[in-house]
N, C-alpha and C. Protein backbone atom coordinates (compact mmCIF):
# COMPACT_ATOMS: atom_id res chain seq x y z
N VAL A 1 -12.28 8.53 15.34
CA VAL A 1 -11.15 8.53 16.27
C VAL A 1 -9.96 9.26 15.65
N VAL A 2 -9.60 8.92 14.41
CA VAL A 2 -8.44 9.53 13.75
C VAL A 2 -8.69 11.01 13.50
N ARG A 3 -9.85 11.34 13.01
CA ARG A 3 -10.19 12.74 12.72
C ARG A 3 -10.10 13.59 13.98
N LYS A 4 -10.64 13.05 15.07
CA LYS A 4 -10.65 13.78 16.33
C LYS A 4 -9.24 13.97 16.88
N ALA A 5 -8.39 12.95 16.72
CA ALA A 5 -7.04 13.00 17.27
C ALA A 5 -6.07 13.81 16.41
N THR A 6 -6.30 13.85 15.10
CA THR A 6 -5.31 14.48 14.21
C THR A 6 -5.85 15.64 13.40
N GLY A 7 -7.15 15.71 13.22
CA GLY A 7 -7.74 16.71 12.35
C GLY A 7 -7.62 16.36 10.87
N ALA A 8 -7.09 15.18 10.59
CA ALA A 8 -6.86 14.76 9.20
C ALA A 8 -8.16 14.40 8.50
N GLU A 9 -8.14 14.59 7.20
CA GLU A 9 -9.26 14.19 6.35
C GLU A 9 -8.93 12.84 5.71
N LEU A 10 -9.88 11.94 5.67
CA LEU A 10 -9.71 10.66 4.99
C LEU A 10 -10.23 10.83 3.57
N VAL A 11 -9.36 10.58 2.59
CA VAL A 11 -9.72 10.68 1.18
C VAL A 11 -9.73 9.27 0.61
N ILE A 12 -10.87 8.88 0.04
CA ILE A 12 -11.01 7.55 -0.55
C ILE A 12 -11.16 7.72 -2.05
N ALA A 13 -10.19 7.16 -2.78
CA ALA A 13 -10.20 7.27 -4.23
C ALA A 13 -10.02 5.88 -4.82
N GLY A 14 -10.62 5.66 -5.97
CA GLY A 14 -10.45 4.39 -6.66
C GLY A 14 -11.72 3.94 -7.31
N TYR A 15 -11.55 2.99 -8.20
CA TYR A 15 -12.68 2.45 -8.95
C TYR A 15 -13.75 1.92 -8.00
N GLY A 16 -14.96 2.37 -8.14
CA GLY A 16 -16.10 1.90 -7.36
C GLY A 16 -16.24 2.52 -5.98
N ALA A 17 -15.28 3.33 -5.57
CA ALA A 17 -15.36 3.93 -4.23
C ALA A 17 -16.58 4.82 -4.07
N ASP A 18 -16.88 5.59 -5.11
CA ASP A 18 -18.03 6.50 -5.02
C ASP A 18 -19.33 5.72 -4.88
N ALA A 19 -19.45 4.59 -5.56
CA ALA A 19 -20.66 3.76 -5.44
C ALA A 19 -20.70 3.02 -4.11
N ALA A 20 -19.57 2.47 -3.70
CA ALA A 20 -19.51 1.69 -2.46
C ALA A 20 -19.76 2.55 -1.23
N PHE A 21 -19.37 3.81 -1.29
CA PHE A 21 -19.51 4.68 -0.12
C PHE A 21 -20.50 5.82 -0.37
N SER A 22 -21.45 5.60 -1.26
CA SER A 22 -22.39 6.66 -1.62
C SER A 22 -23.22 7.14 -0.42
N ASP A 23 -23.44 6.29 0.56
CA ASP A 23 -24.21 6.67 1.74
C ASP A 23 -23.36 7.30 2.83
N CYS A 24 -22.07 7.33 2.63
CA CYS A 24 -21.14 7.84 3.64
C CYS A 24 -21.12 9.37 3.60
N LYS A 25 -21.77 9.97 4.54
CA LYS A 25 -21.80 11.43 4.65
C LYS A 25 -21.25 11.80 6.03
N VAL A 26 -19.94 11.68 6.17
CA VAL A 26 -19.29 11.92 7.45
C VAL A 26 -18.31 13.08 7.31
N ASP A 27 -18.34 13.97 8.27
CA ASP A 27 -17.40 15.08 8.29
C ASP A 27 -15.98 14.52 8.33
N GLY A 28 -15.13 15.02 7.43
CA GLY A 28 -13.75 14.58 7.42
C GLY A 28 -13.48 13.40 6.50
N VAL A 29 -14.50 12.95 5.77
CA VAL A 29 -14.31 11.87 4.80
C VAL A 29 -14.73 12.39 3.43
N ARG A 30 -13.81 12.29 2.47
CA ARG A 30 -14.08 12.75 1.10
C ARG A 30 -13.97 11.54 0.16
N ILE A 31 -15.04 11.26 -0.55
CA ILE A 31 -15.09 10.14 -1.50
C ILE A 31 -14.92 10.70 -2.91
N LEU A 32 -13.88 10.25 -3.60
CA LEU A 32 -13.62 10.78 -4.94
C LEU A 32 -13.97 9.81 -6.06
N GLY A 33 -13.94 8.52 -5.81
CA GLY A 33 -14.15 7.57 -6.89
C GLY A 33 -12.92 7.48 -7.77
N TRP A 34 -13.12 7.06 -9.03
CA TRP A 34 -12.03 6.85 -9.96
C TRP A 34 -11.32 8.16 -10.28
N GLN A 35 -9.98 8.10 -10.30
CA GLN A 35 -9.16 9.25 -10.65
C GLN A 35 -8.19 8.83 -11.74
N ASP A 36 -8.07 9.62 -12.78
CA ASP A 36 -7.11 9.32 -13.85
C ASP A 36 -5.67 9.38 -13.36
N ASP A 37 -5.41 10.28 -12.44
CA ASP A 37 -4.05 10.47 -11.95
C ASP A 37 -4.10 10.69 -10.44
N LEU A 38 -3.45 9.80 -9.69
CA LEU A 38 -3.44 9.90 -8.23
C LEU A 38 -2.29 10.76 -7.70
N THR A 39 -1.42 11.24 -8.58
CA THR A 39 -0.25 11.98 -8.15
C THR A 39 -0.59 13.16 -7.23
N PRO A 40 -1.58 13.99 -7.55
CA PRO A 40 -1.89 15.10 -6.63
C PRO A 40 -2.33 14.61 -5.25
N LEU A 41 -3.02 13.49 -5.20
CA LEU A 41 -3.44 12.95 -3.91
C LEU A 41 -2.24 12.44 -3.13
N TYR A 42 -1.34 11.74 -3.80
CA TYR A 42 -0.13 11.26 -3.14
C TYR A 42 0.69 12.42 -2.61
N LYS A 43 0.81 13.49 -3.39
CA LYS A 43 1.62 14.63 -2.97
C LYS A 43 1.05 15.33 -1.74
N GLY A 44 -0.26 15.21 -1.52
CA GLY A 44 -0.88 15.85 -0.37
C GLY A 44 -1.11 14.92 0.81
N ALA A 45 -0.72 13.66 0.68
CA ALA A 45 -1.01 12.68 1.74
C ALA A 45 0.12 12.60 2.76
N ARG A 46 -0.26 12.33 3.98
CA ARG A 46 0.74 12.12 5.06
C ARG A 46 0.83 10.64 5.41
N VAL A 47 -0.28 9.94 5.37
CA VAL A 47 -0.34 8.51 5.70
C VAL A 47 -1.21 7.84 4.66
N PHE A 48 -0.81 6.65 4.22
CA PHE A 48 -1.61 5.87 3.28
C PHE A 48 -2.10 4.64 4.02
N VAL A 49 -3.40 4.38 3.96
CA VAL A 49 -3.96 3.22 4.66
C VAL A 49 -4.43 2.18 3.65
N VAL A 50 -4.14 0.92 3.98
CA VAL A 50 -4.57 -0.21 3.17
C VAL A 50 -5.24 -1.20 4.13
N PRO A 51 -6.53 -0.98 4.42
CA PRO A 51 -7.21 -1.82 5.40
C PRO A 51 -7.82 -3.10 4.83
N THR A 52 -7.30 -3.56 3.71
CA THR A 52 -7.86 -4.71 3.00
C THR A 52 -7.89 -5.96 3.87
N ARG A 53 -9.05 -6.63 3.88
CA ARG A 53 -9.17 -7.89 4.62
C ARG A 53 -9.17 -9.10 3.70
N TYR A 54 -9.53 -8.91 2.43
CA TYR A 54 -9.57 -10.00 1.46
C TYR A 54 -8.86 -9.54 0.21
N ALA A 55 -7.88 -10.30 -0.24
CA ALA A 55 -7.14 -9.89 -1.44
C ALA A 55 -6.32 -11.06 -1.95
N ALA A 56 -5.89 -10.93 -3.17
CA ALA A 56 -4.98 -11.91 -3.77
C ALA A 56 -4.01 -11.15 -4.65
N GLY A 57 -2.82 -11.66 -4.76
CA GLY A 57 -1.86 -11.05 -5.66
C GLY A 57 -0.93 -10.08 -4.98
N ILE A 58 -0.44 -9.16 -5.75
CA ILE A 58 0.53 -8.18 -5.29
C ILE A 58 -0.21 -6.92 -4.83
N PRO A 59 0.08 -6.41 -3.64
CA PRO A 59 -0.60 -5.19 -3.16
C PRO A 59 -0.04 -3.94 -3.84
N TYR A 60 -0.41 -3.80 -5.10
CA TYR A 60 0.11 -2.71 -5.94
C TYR A 60 -0.09 -1.34 -5.30
N GLU A 61 -1.29 -1.12 -4.74
CA GLU A 61 -1.57 0.20 -4.19
C GLU A 61 -0.60 0.56 -3.06
N ALA A 62 -0.19 -0.43 -2.27
CA ALA A 62 0.77 -0.17 -1.20
C ALA A 62 2.13 0.18 -1.77
N HIS A 63 2.58 -0.58 -2.76
CA HIS A 63 3.87 -0.29 -3.39
C HIS A 63 3.86 1.10 -4.04
N GLU A 64 2.78 1.42 -4.73
CA GLU A 64 2.71 2.71 -5.41
C GLU A 64 2.77 3.86 -4.41
N ALA A 65 2.00 3.78 -3.35
CA ALA A 65 2.00 4.85 -2.35
C ALA A 65 3.39 4.98 -1.71
N ALA A 66 4.00 3.85 -1.37
CA ALA A 66 5.34 3.88 -0.77
C ALA A 66 6.35 4.48 -1.74
N SER A 67 6.18 4.23 -3.04
CA SER A 67 7.11 4.79 -4.02
C SER A 67 7.01 6.30 -4.11
N PHE A 68 5.88 6.86 -3.67
CA PHE A 68 5.72 8.31 -3.61
C PHE A 68 6.19 8.87 -2.27
N GLY A 69 6.70 8.00 -1.40
CA GLY A 69 7.22 8.44 -0.12
C GLY A 69 6.18 8.59 0.97
N ILE A 70 5.06 7.90 0.83
CA ILE A 70 4.01 7.98 1.85
C ILE A 70 4.09 6.75 2.73
N PRO A 71 4.33 6.92 4.03
CA PRO A 71 4.36 5.77 4.94
C PRO A 71 2.98 5.09 5.01
N LEU A 72 3.00 3.79 5.30
CA LEU A 72 1.80 2.97 5.24
C LEU A 72 1.35 2.43 6.58
N VAL A 73 0.04 2.36 6.74
CA VAL A 73 -0.59 1.55 7.79
C VAL A 73 -1.42 0.53 7.02
N VAL A 74 -1.12 -0.75 7.24
CA VAL A 74 -1.75 -1.80 6.45
C VAL A 74 -2.39 -2.85 7.34
N SER A 75 -3.33 -3.59 6.77
CA SER A 75 -3.97 -4.69 7.48
C SER A 75 -2.99 -5.85 7.61
N ASN A 76 -3.33 -6.82 8.45
CA ASN A 76 -2.49 -8.00 8.61
C ASN A 76 -2.27 -8.71 7.28
N LEU A 77 -3.31 -8.83 6.48
CA LEU A 77 -3.22 -9.50 5.19
C LEU A 77 -2.22 -8.80 4.27
N ILE A 78 -2.33 -7.50 4.14
CA ILE A 78 -1.42 -6.75 3.28
C ILE A 78 0.00 -6.82 3.84
N GLY A 79 0.13 -6.78 5.15
CA GLY A 79 1.45 -6.92 5.77
C GLY A 79 2.10 -8.24 5.39
N GLU A 80 1.31 -9.31 5.38
CA GLU A 80 1.83 -10.62 4.98
C GLU A 80 2.21 -10.62 3.50
N GLN A 81 1.36 -10.05 2.66
CA GLN A 81 1.64 -10.02 1.22
C GLN A 81 2.90 -9.21 0.91
N LEU A 82 3.08 -8.10 1.60
CA LEU A 82 4.27 -7.28 1.38
C LEU A 82 5.53 -7.98 1.88
N GLY A 83 5.41 -8.63 3.03
CA GLY A 83 6.58 -9.24 3.66
C GLY A 83 7.49 -8.20 4.29
N TRP A 84 6.96 -7.02 4.56
CA TRP A 84 7.76 -5.95 5.16
C TRP A 84 7.73 -6.06 6.67
N GLN A 85 8.75 -5.49 7.31
CA GLN A 85 8.85 -5.57 8.77
C GLN A 85 7.96 -4.53 9.43
N GLN A 86 7.15 -5.03 10.35
CA GLN A 86 6.28 -4.17 11.16
C GLN A 86 7.14 -3.21 11.97
N GLY A 87 6.80 -1.92 11.90
CA GLY A 87 7.52 -0.92 12.66
C GLY A 87 8.81 -0.46 12.02
N ARG A 88 9.22 -1.11 10.95
CA ARG A 88 10.44 -0.70 10.24
C ARG A 88 10.12 -0.14 8.85
N GLU A 89 9.23 -0.84 8.13
CA GLU A 89 8.89 -0.43 6.76
C GLU A 89 7.43 -0.02 6.63
N CYS A 90 6.62 -0.41 7.59
CA CYS A 90 5.20 -0.04 7.63
C CYS A 90 4.67 -0.35 9.02
N LEU A 91 3.46 0.10 9.30
CA LEU A 91 2.77 -0.31 10.51
C LEU A 91 1.67 -1.27 10.10
N VAL A 92 1.55 -2.37 10.83
CA VAL A 92 0.55 -3.39 10.55
C VAL A 92 -0.40 -3.43 11.74
N ALA A 93 -1.71 -3.40 11.45
CA ALA A 93 -2.70 -3.43 12.52
C ALA A 93 -3.90 -4.24 12.09
N GLY A 94 -4.55 -4.88 13.05
CA GLY A 94 -5.70 -5.72 12.75
C GLY A 94 -7.03 -5.07 13.06
N PRO A 95 -7.48 -5.16 14.32
CA PRO A 95 -8.80 -4.64 14.67
C PRO A 95 -8.92 -3.13 14.41
N PRO A 96 -10.12 -2.65 14.16
CA PRO A 96 -10.32 -1.23 13.81
C PRO A 96 -9.69 -0.23 14.79
N ILE A 97 -9.82 -0.47 16.08
CA ILE A 97 -9.24 0.48 17.05
C ILE A 97 -7.72 0.48 16.95
N ALA A 98 -7.10 -0.70 16.80
CA ALA A 98 -5.65 -0.78 16.65
C ALA A 98 -5.21 -0.10 15.35
N PHE A 99 -6.01 -0.26 14.31
CA PHE A 99 -5.71 0.37 13.02
C PHE A 99 -5.75 1.89 13.16
N ALA A 100 -6.80 2.39 13.80
CA ALA A 100 -6.93 3.84 14.01
C ALA A 100 -5.79 4.36 14.87
N ASP A 101 -5.44 3.63 15.92
CA ASP A 101 -4.32 4.04 16.78
C ASP A 101 -3.01 4.11 16.00
N ALA A 102 -2.78 3.13 15.11
CA ALA A 102 -1.56 3.12 14.30
C ALA A 102 -1.54 4.33 13.37
N CYS A 103 -2.69 4.67 12.78
CA CYS A 103 -2.78 5.85 11.91
C CYS A 103 -2.44 7.12 12.68
N CYS A 104 -3.00 7.25 13.86
CA CYS A 104 -2.74 8.44 14.69
C CYS A 104 -1.28 8.51 15.09
N ARG A 105 -0.71 7.39 15.50
CA ARG A 105 0.70 7.35 15.91
C ARG A 105 1.60 7.78 14.75
N LEU A 106 1.37 7.22 13.57
CA LEU A 106 2.20 7.55 12.42
C LEU A 106 2.00 9.01 12.00
N TYR A 107 0.79 9.48 12.06
CA TYR A 107 0.49 10.86 11.66
C TYR A 107 1.22 11.86 12.55
N ARG A 108 1.31 11.57 13.86
CA ARG A 108 1.86 12.53 14.82
C ARG A 108 3.36 12.37 15.09
N ASP A 109 3.91 11.17 14.91
CA ASP A 109 5.29 10.89 15.29
C ASP A 109 6.23 11.12 14.10
N GLU A 110 6.85 12.29 14.07
CA GLU A 110 7.70 12.67 12.93
C GLU A 110 8.87 11.72 12.74
N SER A 111 9.48 11.29 13.81
CA SER A 111 10.63 10.37 13.72
C SER A 111 10.21 9.03 13.12
N LEU A 112 9.09 8.49 13.58
CA LEU A 112 8.56 7.24 13.03
C LEU A 112 8.20 7.44 11.57
N TRP A 113 7.55 8.55 11.26
CA TRP A 113 7.15 8.85 9.88
C TRP A 113 8.36 8.86 8.95
N GLN A 114 9.42 9.56 9.35
CA GLN A 114 10.63 9.64 8.53
C GLN A 114 11.28 8.27 8.36
N SER A 115 11.34 7.51 9.43
CA SER A 115 11.96 6.19 9.40
C SER A 115 11.21 5.24 8.48
N LEU A 116 9.88 5.16 8.63
CA LEU A 116 9.07 4.28 7.78
C LEU A 116 9.16 4.73 6.33
N ARG A 117 9.14 6.02 6.10
CA ARG A 117 9.22 6.55 4.74
C ARG A 117 10.52 6.13 4.07
N SER A 118 11.63 6.36 4.74
CA SER A 118 12.94 6.01 4.18
C SER A 118 13.07 4.51 3.93
N ASN A 119 12.68 3.71 4.91
CA ASN A 119 12.80 2.26 4.78
C ASN A 119 11.89 1.69 3.71
N ALA A 120 10.69 2.24 3.58
CA ALA A 120 9.76 1.76 2.54
C ALA A 120 10.25 2.14 1.15
N LEU A 121 10.78 3.36 1.01
CA LEU A 121 11.34 3.76 -0.29
C LEU A 121 12.49 2.83 -0.69
N LEU A 122 13.33 2.50 0.26
CA LEU A 122 14.44 1.59 -0.02
C LEU A 122 13.92 0.20 -0.38
N ARG A 123 12.91 -0.25 0.33
CA ARG A 123 12.35 -1.58 0.07
C ARG A 123 11.73 -1.64 -1.33
N VAL A 124 10.99 -0.62 -1.72
CA VAL A 124 10.40 -0.58 -3.06
C VAL A 124 11.51 -0.59 -4.11
N SER A 125 12.54 0.20 -3.89
CA SER A 125 13.65 0.26 -4.83
C SER A 125 14.35 -1.09 -4.97
N ASN A 126 14.56 -1.76 -3.86
CA ASN A 126 15.25 -3.06 -3.87
C ASN A 126 14.38 -4.18 -4.42
N ASP A 127 13.11 -4.18 -4.05
CA ASP A 127 12.21 -5.29 -4.41
C ASP A 127 11.63 -5.18 -5.81
N LEU A 128 11.50 -3.96 -6.31
CA LEU A 128 10.76 -3.79 -7.56
C LEU A 128 11.54 -3.11 -8.67
N ASN A 129 12.86 -3.09 -8.57
CA ASN A 129 13.61 -2.49 -9.67
C ASN A 129 13.50 -3.41 -10.89
N ASP A 130 13.86 -2.90 -12.05
CA ASP A 130 13.69 -3.63 -13.31
C ASP A 130 14.37 -4.99 -13.29
N GLU A 131 15.58 -5.05 -12.78
CA GLU A 131 16.33 -6.31 -12.79
C GLU A 131 15.68 -7.36 -11.90
N VAL A 132 15.36 -6.99 -10.67
CA VAL A 132 14.75 -7.93 -9.73
C VAL A 132 13.39 -8.38 -10.22
N PHE A 133 12.59 -7.44 -10.69
CA PHE A 133 11.25 -7.77 -11.16
C PHE A 133 11.32 -8.68 -12.38
N GLY A 134 12.21 -8.37 -13.31
CA GLY A 134 12.38 -9.20 -14.50
C GLY A 134 12.79 -10.62 -14.16
N LYS A 135 13.72 -10.76 -13.22
CA LYS A 135 14.15 -12.10 -12.80
C LYS A 135 13.01 -12.87 -12.15
N ALA A 136 12.21 -12.20 -11.36
CA ALA A 136 11.08 -12.86 -10.70
C ALA A 136 10.06 -13.35 -11.72
N VAL A 137 9.74 -12.51 -12.69
CA VAL A 137 8.78 -12.91 -13.72
C VAL A 137 9.34 -14.06 -14.55
N ALA A 138 10.61 -13.97 -14.93
CA ALA A 138 11.24 -15.04 -15.71
C ALA A 138 11.24 -16.34 -14.92
N SER A 139 11.47 -16.27 -13.63
CA SER A 139 11.48 -17.46 -12.79
C SER A 139 10.11 -18.13 -12.76
N VAL A 140 9.07 -17.32 -12.65
CA VAL A 140 7.71 -17.87 -12.66
C VAL A 140 7.43 -18.55 -13.99
N ILE A 141 7.77 -17.88 -15.07
CA ILE A 141 7.52 -18.43 -16.40
C ILE A 141 8.34 -19.71 -16.60
N ASN A 142 9.58 -19.71 -16.16
CA ASN A 142 10.44 -20.89 -16.31
C ASN A 142 9.94 -22.08 -15.51
N ASN A 143 9.22 -21.83 -14.43
CA ASN A 143 8.74 -22.92 -13.58
C ASN A 143 7.38 -23.47 -14.02
N ILE A 144 6.78 -22.83 -14.99
CA ILE A 144 5.50 -23.34 -15.50
C ILE A 144 5.80 -24.52 -16.40
N SER A 145 5.10 -25.59 -16.17
CA SER A 145 5.35 -26.73 -17.06
C SER A 145 4.09 -27.06 -17.83
N LEU A 146 4.30 -27.49 -19.03
CA LEU A 146 3.22 -27.89 -19.91
C LEU A 146 3.44 -29.35 -20.25
N LYS A 147 2.52 -30.22 -19.82
CA LYS A 147 2.64 -31.66 -20.04
C LYS A 147 3.95 -32.20 -19.47
N GLY A 148 4.32 -31.68 -18.29
CA GLY A 148 5.49 -32.21 -17.61
C GLY A 148 6.82 -31.69 -18.10
N GLU A 149 6.84 -30.89 -19.16
CA GLU A 149 8.10 -30.39 -19.67
C GLU A 149 8.27 -28.93 -19.26
N PRO A 150 9.43 -28.58 -18.68
CA PRO A 150 9.65 -27.18 -18.28
C PRO A 150 9.68 -26.25 -19.48
N GLN A 151 9.17 -25.09 -19.28
CA GLN A 151 9.18 -24.04 -20.30
C GLN A 151 10.21 -23.02 -19.88
N TRP A 152 10.68 -22.22 -20.80
CA TRP A 152 11.65 -21.19 -20.46
C TRP A 152 11.27 -19.88 -21.13
N ALA A 153 11.81 -18.82 -20.59
CA ALA A 153 11.56 -17.50 -21.15
C ALA A 153 12.66 -16.56 -20.74
N THR A 154 12.87 -15.56 -21.52
CA THR A 154 13.78 -14.48 -21.13
C THR A 154 13.03 -13.17 -21.29
N LEU A 155 13.41 -12.23 -20.51
CA LEU A 155 12.82 -10.90 -20.59
C LEU A 155 13.93 -9.95 -21.01
N GLU A 156 13.71 -9.25 -22.07
CA GLU A 156 14.70 -8.31 -22.57
C GLU A 156 14.09 -6.93 -22.66
N ARG A 157 14.95 -5.98 -22.54
CA ARG A 157 14.49 -4.58 -22.68
C ARG A 157 14.42 -4.18 -24.09
């Protein structure tokens, strides 16, 4: 659907991608597997998709792509993990057809693309700068208790 509507190529990179998609021989899909440096891929990307249905932790790949200025289309789960506003900082979609439609919309709509890009860059800068990140980690460490007694920590540069 996306390829037909936009002419875009889907590039899948990452650990295990080549093994997981070894049978995928579809026009417009390129499987790269592990890459030492994703910078060239980020520089050539227009839309970054995170269709994850099962995950835990911080959606690092979404933050990294957004930090390179690539607007995101993410699954409901990743949208919840990010806590970003749908339609303001990313597009969130569930079922495959809705996900494909969101990708096509973002790919073609320059105004939406620019808006999501700017807002996501600002969000990454605000949420993940050294000071905010350090305080968050220190807070987690300070709230860990061992045998009922609070522990403390400081993070210094």
